[in-house]
Amino acid sequence: VFSVFAVSMLLVCLIAAAGFAVVAHRRQRQLGLLAAV
């Protein structure tokens, strides 16, 4: 069961990566301001 969960977590991790990419783009200006200071 734990092995199945590990494979499922790989799938969820890929979906989460897309979500975090959206977060990174949404915070791009904030990150730019942080880098500017």
PDB file of all heavy atoms in Angstrom:
ATOM      1  N   VAL A   1       0.837  -1.199   0.000  1.00  0.00           N
ATOM      2  CA  VAL A   1       0.000   0.000   0.000  1.00  0.00           C
ATOM      3  C   VAL A   1       0.873   1.251   0.000  1.00  0.00           C
ATOM      4  O   VAL A   1       0.594   2.237  -0.692  1.00  0.00           O
ATOM      5  CB  VAL A   1      -0.954  -0.007   1.207  1.00  0.00           C
ATOM      6  CG1 VAL A   1      -1.737   1.291   1.299  1.00  0.00           C
ATOM      7  CG2 VAL A   1      -1.901  -1.185   1.117  1.00  0.00           C
ATOM      8  N   PHE A   2       1.955   1.216   0.785  1.00  0.00           N
ATOM      9  CA  PHE A   2       2.847   2.380   0.846  1.00  0.00           C
ATOM     10  C   PHE A   2       3.518   2.621  -0.502  1.00  0.00           C
ATOM     11  O   PHE A   2       3.731   3.769  -0.897  1.00  0.00           O
ATOM     12  CB  PHE A   2       3.896   2.161   1.928  1.00  0.00           C
ATOM     13  CG  PHE A   2       4.777   3.361   2.160  1.00  0.00           C
ATOM     14  CD1 PHE A   2       4.320   4.438   2.890  1.00  0.00           C
ATOM     15  CD2 PHE A   2       6.060   3.402   1.645  1.00  0.00           C
ATOM     16  CE1 PHE A   2       5.117   5.543   3.104  1.00  0.00           C
ATOM     17  CE2 PHE A   2       6.869   4.493   1.852  1.00  0.00           C
ATOM     18  CZ  PHE A   2       6.409   5.573   2.596  1.00  0.00           C
ATOM     19  N   SER A   3       3.845   1.546  -1.233  1.00  0.00           N
ATOM     20  CA  SER A   3       4.439   1.712  -2.561  1.00  0.00           C
ATOM     21  C   SER A   3       3.457   2.350  -3.529  1.00  0.00           C
ATOM     22  O   SER A   3       3.827   3.227  -4.318  1.00  0.00           O
ATOM     23  CB  SER A   3       4.885   0.342  -3.093  1.00  0.00           C
ATOM     24  OG  SER A   3       5.831  -0.251  -2.229  1.00  0.00           O
ATOM     25  N   VAL A   4       2.195   1.923  -3.461  1.00  0.00           N
ATOM     26  CA  VAL A   4       1.170   2.557  -4.298  1.00  0.00           C
ATOM     27  C   VAL A   4       1.048   4.036  -3.953  1.00  0.00           C
ATOM     28  O   VAL A   4       0.912   4.892  -4.833  1.00  0.00           O
ATOM     29  CB  VAL A   4      -0.178   1.833  -4.127  1.00  0.00           C
ATOM     30  CG1 VAL A   4      -1.289   2.579  -4.859  1.00  0.00           C
ATOM     31  CG2 VAL A   4      -0.076   0.412  -4.646  1.00  0.00           C
ATOM     32  N   PHE A   5       1.115   4.353  -2.645  1.00  0.00           N
ATOM     33  CA  PHE A   5       1.048   5.758  -2.235  1.00  0.00           C
ATOM     34  C   PHE A   5       2.231   6.541  -2.787  1.00  0.00           C
ATOM     35  O   PHE A   5       2.073   7.706  -3.198  1.00  0.00           O
ATOM     36  CB  PHE A   5       1.024   5.847  -0.712  1.00  0.00           C
ATOM     37  CG  PHE A   5       1.287   7.236  -0.187  1.00  0.00           C
ATOM     38  CD1 PHE A   5       0.334   8.228  -0.303  1.00  0.00           C
ATOM     39  CD2 PHE A   5       2.501   7.547   0.409  1.00  0.00           C
ATOM     40  CE1 PHE A   5       0.579   9.503   0.170  1.00  0.00           C
ATOM     41  CE2 PHE A   5       2.758   8.817   0.884  1.00  0.00           C
ATOM     42  CZ  PHE A   5       1.789   9.794   0.764  1.00  0.00           C
ATOM     43  N   ALA A   6       3.426   5.929  -2.795  1.00  0.00           N
ATOM     44  CA  ALA A   6       4.603   6.633  -3.310  1.00  0.00           C
ATOM     45  C   ALA A   6       4.428   6.972  -4.791  1.00  0.00           C
ATOM     46  O   ALA A   6       4.750   8.079  -5.227  1.00  0.00           O
ATOM     47  CB  ALA A   6       5.855   5.789  -3.094  1.00  0.00           C
ATOM     48  N   VAL A   7       3.893   6.023  -5.585  1.00  0.00           N
ATOM     49  CA  VAL A   7       3.647   6.292  -7.001  1.00  0.00           C
ATOM     50  C   VAL A   7       2.560   7.354  -7.158  1.00  0.00           C
ATOM     51  O   VAL A   7       2.667   8.270  -7.996  1.00  0.00           O
ATOM     52  CB  VAL A   7       3.259   4.992  -7.737  1.00  0.00           C
ATOM     53  CG1 VAL A   7       2.908   5.276  -9.186  1.00  0.00           C
ATOM     54  CG2 VAL A   7       4.391   3.985  -7.658  1.00  0.00           C
ATOM     55  N   SER A   8       1.500   7.261  -6.331  1.00  0.00           N
ATOM     56  CA  SER A   8       0.447   8.272  -6.394  1.00  0.00           C
ATOM     57  C   SER A   8       0.981   9.641  -6.014  1.00  0.00           C
ATOM     58  O   SER A   8       0.579  10.658  -6.602  1.00  0.00           O
ATOM     59  CB  SER A   8      -0.701   7.878  -5.454  1.00  0.00           C
ATOM     60  OG  SER A   8      -1.212   6.602  -5.775  1.00  0.00           O
ATOM     61  N   MET A   9       1.884   9.679  -5.035  1.00  0.00           N
ATOM     62  CA  MET A   9       2.462  10.960  -4.633  1.00  0.00           C
ATOM     63  C   MET A   9       3.310  11.560  -5.751  1.00  0.00           C
ATOM     64  O   MET A   9       3.392  12.784  -5.882  1.00  0.00           O
ATOM     65  CB  MET A   9       3.296  10.769  -3.372  1.00  0.00           C
ATOM     66  CG  MET A   9       3.754  12.081  -2.734  1.00  0.00           C
ATOM     67  SD  MET A   9       2.408  13.241  -2.408  1.00  0.00           S
ATOM     68  CE  MET A   9       1.458  12.317  -1.224  1.00  0.00           C
ATOM     69  N   LEU A  10       3.940  10.708  -6.573  1.00  0.00           N
ATOM     70  CA  LEU A  10       4.653  11.221  -7.740  1.00  0.00           C
ATOM     71  C   LEU A  10       3.696  11.943  -8.678  1.00  0.00           C
ATOM     72  O   LEU A  10       3.996  13.036  -9.180  1.00  0.00           O
ATOM     73  CB  LEU A  10       5.347  10.072  -8.479  1.00  0.00           C
ATOM     74  CG  LEU A  10       5.983  10.413  -9.834  1.00  0.00           C
ATOM     75  CD1 LEU A  10       7.101  11.435  -9.662  1.00  0.00           C
ATOM     76  CD2 LEU A  10       6.493   9.157 -10.522  1.00  0.00           C
ATOM     77  N   LEU A  11       2.515  11.358  -8.884  1.00  0.00           N
ATOM     78  CA  LEU A  11       1.509  11.987  -9.737  1.00  0.00           C
ATOM     79  C   LEU A  11       1.033  13.295  -9.128  1.00  0.00           C
ATOM     80  O   LEU A  11       0.944  14.325  -9.816  1.00  0.00           O
ATOM     81  CB  LEU A  11       0.343  11.024  -9.929  1.00  0.00           C
ATOM     82  CG  LEU A  11      -0.841  11.519 -10.764  1.00  0.00           C
ATOM     83  CD1 LEU A  11      -0.392  11.860 -12.172  1.00  0.00           C
ATOM     84  CD2 LEU A  11      -1.932  10.468 -10.793  1.00  0.00           C
ATOM     85  N   VAL A  12       0.723  13.284  -7.828  1.00  0.00           N
ATOM     86  CA  VAL A  12       0.268  14.508  -7.169  1.00  0.00           C
ATOM     87  C   VAL A  12       1.369  15.559  -7.176  1.00  0.00           C
ATOM     88  O   VAL A  12       1.105  16.761  -7.313  1.00  0.00           O
ATOM     89  CB  VAL A  12      -0.179  14.180  -5.730  1.00  0.00           C
ATOM     90  CG1 VAL A  12      -0.532  15.452  -4.960  1.00  0.00           C
ATOM     91  CG2 VAL A  12      -1.374  13.245  -5.746  1.00  0.00           C
ATOM     92  N   CYS A  13       2.614  15.119  -7.046  1.00  0.00           N
ATOM     93  CA  CYS A  13       3.751  16.051  -7.059  1.00  0.00           C
ATOM     94  C   CYS A  13       3.836  16.772  -8.395  1.00  0.00           C
ATOM     95  O   CYS A  13       4.122  17.978  -8.446  1.00  0.00           O
ATOM     96  CB  CYS A  13       5.034  15.292  -6.756  1.00  0.00           C
ATOM     97  SG  CYS A  13       6.507  16.314  -6.674  1.00  0.00           S
ATOM     98  N   LEU A  14       3.577  16.052  -9.481  1.00  0.00           N
ATOM     99  CA  LEU A  14       3.604  16.689 -10.797  1.00  0.00           C
ATOM    100  C   LEU A  14       2.482  17.719 -10.939  1.00  0.00           C
ATOM    101  O   LEU A  14       2.673  18.794 -11.509  1.00  0.00           O
ATOM    102  CB  LEU A  14       3.488  15.625 -11.885  1.00  0.00           C
ATOM    103  CG  LEU A  14       4.670  14.643 -11.981  1.00  0.00           C
ATOM    104  CD1 LEU A  14       4.365  13.559 -12.996  1.00  0.00           C
ATOM    105  CD2 LEU A  14       5.945  15.378 -12.360  1.00  0.00           C
ATOM    106  N   ILE A  15       1.303  17.380 -10.409  1.00  0.00           N
ATOM    107  CA  ILE A  15       0.209  18.348 -10.446  1.00  0.00           C
ATOM    108  C   ILE A  15       0.555  19.555  -9.591  1.00  0.00           C
ATOM    109  O   ILE A  15       0.307  20.712  -9.980  1.00  0.00           O
ATOM    110  CB  ILE A  15      -1.098  17.693  -9.962  1.00  0.00           C
ATOM    111  CG1 ILE A  15      -1.426  16.469 -10.805  1.00  0.00           C
ATOM    112  CG2 ILE A  15      -2.253  18.679  -9.996  1.00  0.00           C
ATOM    113  CD1 ILE A  15      -2.594  15.669 -10.296  1.00  0.00           C
ATOM    114  N   ALA A  16       1.122  19.298  -8.411  1.00  0.00           N
ATOM    115  CA  ALA A  16       1.494  20.398  -7.527  1.00  0.00           C
ATOM    116  C   ALA A  16       2.553  21.283  -8.167  1.00  0.00           C
ATOM    117  O   ALA A  16       2.558  22.508  -7.960  1.00  0.00           O
ATOM    118  CB  ALA A  16       2.004  19.843  -6.198  1.00  0.00           C
ATOM    119  N   ALA A  17       3.445  20.687  -8.965  1.00  0.00           N
ATOM    120  CA  ALA A  17       4.466  21.490  -9.636  1.00  0.00           C
ATOM    121  C   ALA A  17       3.832  22.510 -10.574  1.00  0.00           C
ATOM    122  O   ALA A  17       4.290  23.659 -10.666  1.00  0.00           O
ATOM    123  CB  ALA A  17       5.423  20.576 -10.405  1.00  0.00           C
ATOM    124  N   ALA A  18       2.762  22.097 -11.266  1.00  0.00           N
ATOM    125  CA  ALA A  18       2.053  23.057 -12.122  1.00  0.00           C
ATOM    126  C   ALA A  18       1.435  24.170 -11.286  1.00  0.00           C
ATOM    127  O   ALA A  18       1.460  25.346 -11.668  1.00  0.00           O
ATOM    128  CB  ALA A  18       0.973  22.329 -12.920  1.00  0.00           C
ATOM    129  N   GLY A  19       0.865  23.798 -10.127  1.00  0.00           N
ATOM    130  CA  GLY A  19       0.284  24.813  -9.259  1.00  0.00           C
ATOM    131  C   GLY A  19       1.330  25.763  -8.713  1.00  0.00           C
ATOM    132  O   GLY A  19       1.108  26.985  -8.649  1.00  0.00           O
ATOM    133  N   PHE A  20       2.489  25.245  -8.333  1.00  0.00           N
ATOM    134  CA  PHE A  20       3.546  26.110  -7.811  1.00  0.00           C
ATOM    135  C   PHE A  20       4.150  26.989  -8.906  1.00  0.00           C
ATOM    136  O   PHE A  20       4.634  28.092  -8.623  1.00  0.00           O
ATOM    137  CB  PHE A  20       4.623  25.270  -7.143  1.00  0.00           C
ATOM    138  CG  PHE A  20       4.178  24.622  -5.863  1.00  0.00           C
ATOM    139  CD1 PHE A  20       4.496  23.306  -5.582  1.00  0.00           C
ATOM    140  CD2 PHE A  20       3.421  25.320  -4.942  1.00  0.00           C
ATOM    141  CE1 PHE A  20       4.068  22.704  -4.421  1.00  0.00           C
ATOM    142  CE2 PHE A  20       2.997  24.732  -3.766  1.00  0.00           C
ATOM    143  CZ  PHE A  20       3.325  23.427  -3.502  1.00  0.00           C
ATOM    144  N   ALA A  21       4.140  26.501 -10.139  1.00  0.00           N
ATOM    145  CA  ALA A  21       4.585  27.351 -11.249  1.00  0.00           C
ATOM    146  C   ALA A  21       3.654  28.543 -11.413  1.00  0.00           C
ATOM    147  O   ALA A  21       4.097  29.670 -11.705  1.00  0.00           O
ATOM    148  CB  ALA A  21       4.641  26.530 -12.535  1.00  0.00           C
ATOM    149  N   VAL A  22       2.351  28.310 -11.219  1.00  0.00           N
ATOM    150  CA  VAL A  22       1.392  29.416 -11.266  1.00  0.00           C
ATOM    151  C   VAL A  22       1.658  30.395 -10.127  1.00  0.00           C
ATOM    152  O   VAL A  22       1.605  31.619 -10.302  1.00  0.00           O
ATOM    153  CB  VAL A  22      -0.046  28.874 -11.213  1.00  0.00           C
ATOM    154  CG1 VAL A  22      -1.061  29.999 -11.052  1.00  0.00           C
ATOM    155  CG2 VAL A  22      -0.353  28.067 -12.467  1.00  0.00           C
ATOM    156  N   VAL A  23       1.942  29.844  -8.925  1.00  0.00           N
ATOM    157  CA  VAL A  23       2.246  30.707  -7.780  1.00  0.00           C
ATOM    158  C   VAL A  23       3.495  31.533  -8.054  1.00  0.00           C
ATOM    159  O   VAL A  23       3.546  32.741  -7.743  1.00  0.00           O
ATOM    160  CB  VAL A  23       2.433  29.845  -6.515  1.00  0.00           C
ATOM    161  CG1 VAL A  23       2.952  30.695  -5.354  1.00  0.00           C
ATOM    162  CG2 VAL A  23       1.123  29.196  -6.126  1.00  0.00           C
ATOM    163  N   ALA A  24       4.511  30.905  -8.634  1.00  0.00           N
ATOM    164  CA  ALA A  24       5.745  31.634  -8.945  1.00  0.00           C
ATOM    165  C   ALA A  24       5.479  32.773  -9.920  1.00  0.00           C
ATOM    166  O   ALA A  24       6.005  33.886  -9.758  1.00  0.00           O
ATOM    167  CB  ALA A  24       6.777  30.668  -9.525  1.00  0.00           C
ATOM    168  N   HIS A  25       4.650  32.531 -10.937  1.00  0.00           N
ATOM    169  CA  HIS A  25       4.339  33.601 -11.891  1.00  0.00           C
ATOM    170  C   HIS A  25       3.503  34.697 -11.227  1.00  0.00           C
ATOM    171  O   HIS A  25       3.700  35.894 -11.498  1.00  0.00           O
ATOM    172  CB  HIS A  25       3.591  33.026 -13.084  1.00  0.00           C
ATOM    173  CG  HIS A  25       3.239  34.054 -14.115  1.00  0.00           C
ATOM    174  ND1 HIS A  25       4.180  34.710 -14.873  1.00  0.00           N
ATOM    175  CD2 HIS A  25       2.030  34.560 -14.508  1.00  0.00           C
ATOM    176  CE1 HIS A  25       3.592  35.568 -15.689  1.00  0.00           C
ATOM    177  NE2 HIS A  25       2.278  35.495 -15.480  1.00  0.00           N
ATOM    178  N   ARG A  26       2.581  34.307 -10.341  1.00  0.00           N
ATOM    179  CA  ARG A  26       1.738  35.292  -9.677  1.00  0.00           C
ATOM    180  C   ARG A  26       2.568  36.178  -8.749  1.00  0.00           C
ATOM    181  O   ARG A  26       2.250  37.352  -8.552  1.00  0.00           O
ATOM    182  CB  ARG A  26       0.637  34.568  -8.898  1.00  0.00           C
ATOM    183  CG  ARG A  26      -0.376  35.476  -8.241  1.00  0.00           C
ATOM    184  CD  ARG A  26      -1.412  34.648  -7.508  1.00  0.00           C
ATOM    185  NE  ARG A  26      -2.181  33.846  -8.447  1.00  0.00           N
ATOM    186  CZ  ARG A  26      -2.560  32.593  -8.234  1.00  0.00           C
ATOM    187  NH1 ARG A  26      -2.206  31.989  -7.114  1.00  0.00           N
ATOM    188  NH2 ARG A  26      -3.267  31.942  -9.127  1.00  0.00           N
ATOM    189  N   ARG A  27       3.602  35.622  -8.154  1.00  0.00           N
ATOM    190  CA  ARG A  27       4.443  36.382  -7.229  1.00  0.00           C
ATOM    191  C   ARG A  27       5.690  36.943  -7.906  1.00  0.00           C
ATOM    192  O   ARG A  27       6.620  37.369  -7.224  1.00  0.00           O
ATOM    193  CB  ARG A  27       4.869  35.489  -6.062  1.00  0.00           C
ATOM    194  CG  ARG A  27       3.722  35.076  -5.173  1.00  0.00           C
ATOM    195  CD  ARG A  27       4.209  34.249  -4.021  1.00  0.00           C
ATOM    196  NE  ARG A  27       3.130  33.809  -3.156  1.00  0.00           N
ATOM    197  CZ  ARG A  27       3.281  32.990  -2.143  1.00  0.00           C
ATOM    198  NH1 ARG A  27       4.485  32.502  -1.857  1.00  0.00           N
ATOM    199  NH2 ARG A  27       2.247  32.642  -1.394  1.00  0.00           N
ATOM    200  N   GLN A  28       5.703  36.923  -9.219  1.00  0.00           N
ATOM    201  CA  GLN A  28       6.912  37.349  -9.928  1.00  0.00           C
ATOM    202  C   GLN A  28       7.283  38.786  -9.596  1.00  0.00           C
ATOM    203  O   GLN A  28       8.457  39.094  -9.359  1.00  0.00           O
ATOM    204  CB  GLN A  28       6.678  37.200 -11.436  1.00  0.00           C
ATOM    205  CG  GLN A  28       7.903  37.515 -12.284  1.00  0.00           C
ATOM    206  CD  GLN A  28       7.672  37.176 -13.745  1.00  0.00           C
ATOM    207  OE1 GLN A  28       7.072  36.159 -14.053  1.00  0.00           O
ATOM    208  NE2 GLN A  28       8.120  38.048 -14.629  1.00  0.00           N
ATOM    209  N   ARG A  29       6.296  39.687  -9.559  1.00  0.00           N
ATOM    210  CA  ARG A  29       6.600  41.087  -9.254  1.00  0.00           C
ATOM    211  C   ARG A  29       7.075  41.228  -7.813  1.00  0.00           C
ATOM    212  O   ARG A  29       8.006  41.998  -7.525  1.00  0.00           O
ATOM    213  CB  ARG A  29       5.373  41.950  -9.502  1.00  0.00           C
ATOM    214  CG  ARG A  29       5.596  43.431  -9.253  1.00  0.00           C
ATOM    215  CD  ARG A  29       4.383  44.231  -9.669  1.00  0.00           C
ATOM    216  NE  ARG A  29       4.225  44.189 -11.125  1.00  0.00           N
ATOM    217  CZ  ARG A  29       3.153  44.633 -11.769  1.00  0.00           C
ATOM    218  NH1 ARG A  29       2.126  45.123 -11.071  1.00  0.00           N
ATOM    219  NH2 ARG A  29       3.085  44.587 -13.079  1.00  0.00           N
ATOM    220  N   GLN A  30       6.463  40.510  -6.881  1.00  0.00           N
ATOM    221  CA  GLN A  30       6.902  40.576  -5.490  1.00  0.00           C
ATOM    222  C   GLN A  30       8.333  40.064  -5.343  1.00  0.00           C
ATOM    223  O   GLN A  30       9.142  40.636  -4.608  1.00  0.00           O
ATOM    224  CB  GLN A  30       5.957  39.753  -4.615  1.00  0.00           C
ATOM    225  CG  GLN A  30       4.533  40.291  -4.586  1.00  0.00           C
ATOM    226  CD  GLN A  30       3.575  39.317  -3.938  1.00  0.00           C
ATOM    227  OE1 GLN A  30       3.755  38.109  -4.019  1.00  0.00           O
ATOM    228  NE2 GLN A  30       2.531  39.853  -3.305  1.00  0.00           N
ATOM    229  N   LEU A  31       8.644  38.975  -6.049  1.00  0.00           N
ATOM    230  CA  LEU A  31      10.003  38.459  -6.010  1.00  0.00           C
ATOM    231  C   LEU A  31      10.985  39.443  -6.629  1.00  0.00           C
ATOM    232  O   LEU A  31      12.129  39.563  -6.175  1.00  0.00           O
ATOM    233  CB  LEU A  31      10.066  37.106  -6.732  1.00  0.00           C
ATOM    234  CG  LEU A  31       9.260  35.964  -6.092  1.00  0.00           C
ATOM    235  CD1 LEU A  31       9.319  34.726  -6.957  1.00  0.00           C
ATOM    236  CD2 LEU A  31       9.784  35.655  -4.697  1.00  0.00           C
ATOM    237  N   GLY A  32      10.543  40.142  -7.688  1.00  0.00           N
ATOM    238  CA  GLY A  32      11.396  41.163  -8.285  1.00  0.00           C
ATOM    239  C   GLY A  32      11.688  42.287  -7.318  1.00  0.00           C
ATOM    240  O   GLY A  32      12.829  42.775  -7.230  1.00  0.00           O
ATOM    241  N   LEU A  33      10.668  42.739  -6.581  1.00  0.00           N
ATOM    242  CA  LEU A  33      10.887  43.779  -5.573  1.00  0.00           C
ATOM    243  C   LEU A  33      11.820  43.282  -4.477  1.00  0.00           C
ATOM    244  O   LEU A  33      12.680  44.034  -3.991  1.00  0.00           O
ATOM    245  CB  LEU A  33       9.541  44.198  -4.973  1.00  0.00           C
ATOM    246  CG  LEU A  33       8.609  44.990  -5.889  1.00  0.00           C
ATOM    247  CD1 LEU A  33       7.252  45.181  -5.228  1.00  0.00           C
ATOM    248  CD2 LEU A  33       9.220  46.338  -6.232  1.00  0.00           C
ATOM    249  N   LEU A  34      11.649  42.029  -4.070  1.00  0.00           N
ATOM    250  CA  LEU A  34      12.520  41.465  -3.046  1.00  0.00           C
ATOM    251  C   LEU A  34      13.963  41.407  -3.530  1.00  0.00           C
ATOM    252  O   LEU A  34      14.899  41.709  -2.778  1.00  0.00           O
ATOM    253  CB  LEU A  34      12.024  40.064  -2.681  1.00  0.00           C
ATOM    254  CG  LEU A  34      12.576  39.441  -1.396  1.00  0.00           C
ATOM    255  CD1 LEU A  34      12.169  40.257  -0.186  1.00  0.00           C
ATOM    256  CD2 LEU A  34      12.097  38.004  -1.250  1.00  0.00           C
ATOM    257  N   ALA A  35      14.146  41.033  -4.801  1.00  0.00           N
ATOM    258  CA  ALA A  35      15.502  41.008  -5.353  1.00  0.00           C
ATOM    259  C   ALA A  35      16.075  42.417  -5.488  1.00  0.00           C
ATOM    260  O   ALA A  35      17.280  42.629  -5.324  1.00  0.00           O
ATOM    261  CB  ALA A  35      15.494  40.310  -6.712  1.00  0.00           C
ATOM    262  N   ALA A  36      15.205  43.389  -5.773  1.00  0.00           N
ATOM    263  CA  ALA A  36      15.679  44.764  -5.945  1.00  0.00           C
ATOM    264  C   ALA A  36      16.201  45.361  -4.644  1.00  0.00           C
ATOM    265  O   ALA A  36      17.057  46.253  -4.672  1.00  0.00           O
ATOM    266  CB  ALA A  36      14.543  45.637  -6.496  1.00  0.00           C
ATOM    267  N   VAL A  37      15.713  44.878  -3.497  1.00  0.00           N
ATOM    268  CA  VAL A  37      16.176  45.409  -2.211  1.00  0.00           C
ATOM    269  C   VAL A  37      17.309  44.571  -1.624  1.00  0.00           C
ATOM    270  O   VAL A  37      17.665  44.763  -0.462  1.00  0.00           O
ATOM    271  CB  VAL A  37      15.015  45.504  -1.204  1.00  0.00           C
ATOM    272  CG1 VAL A  37      13.965  46.475  -1.689  1.00  0.00           C
ATOM    273  CG2 VAL A  37      14.397  44.137  -0.941  1.00  0.00           C
TER     274      VAL A  37
END
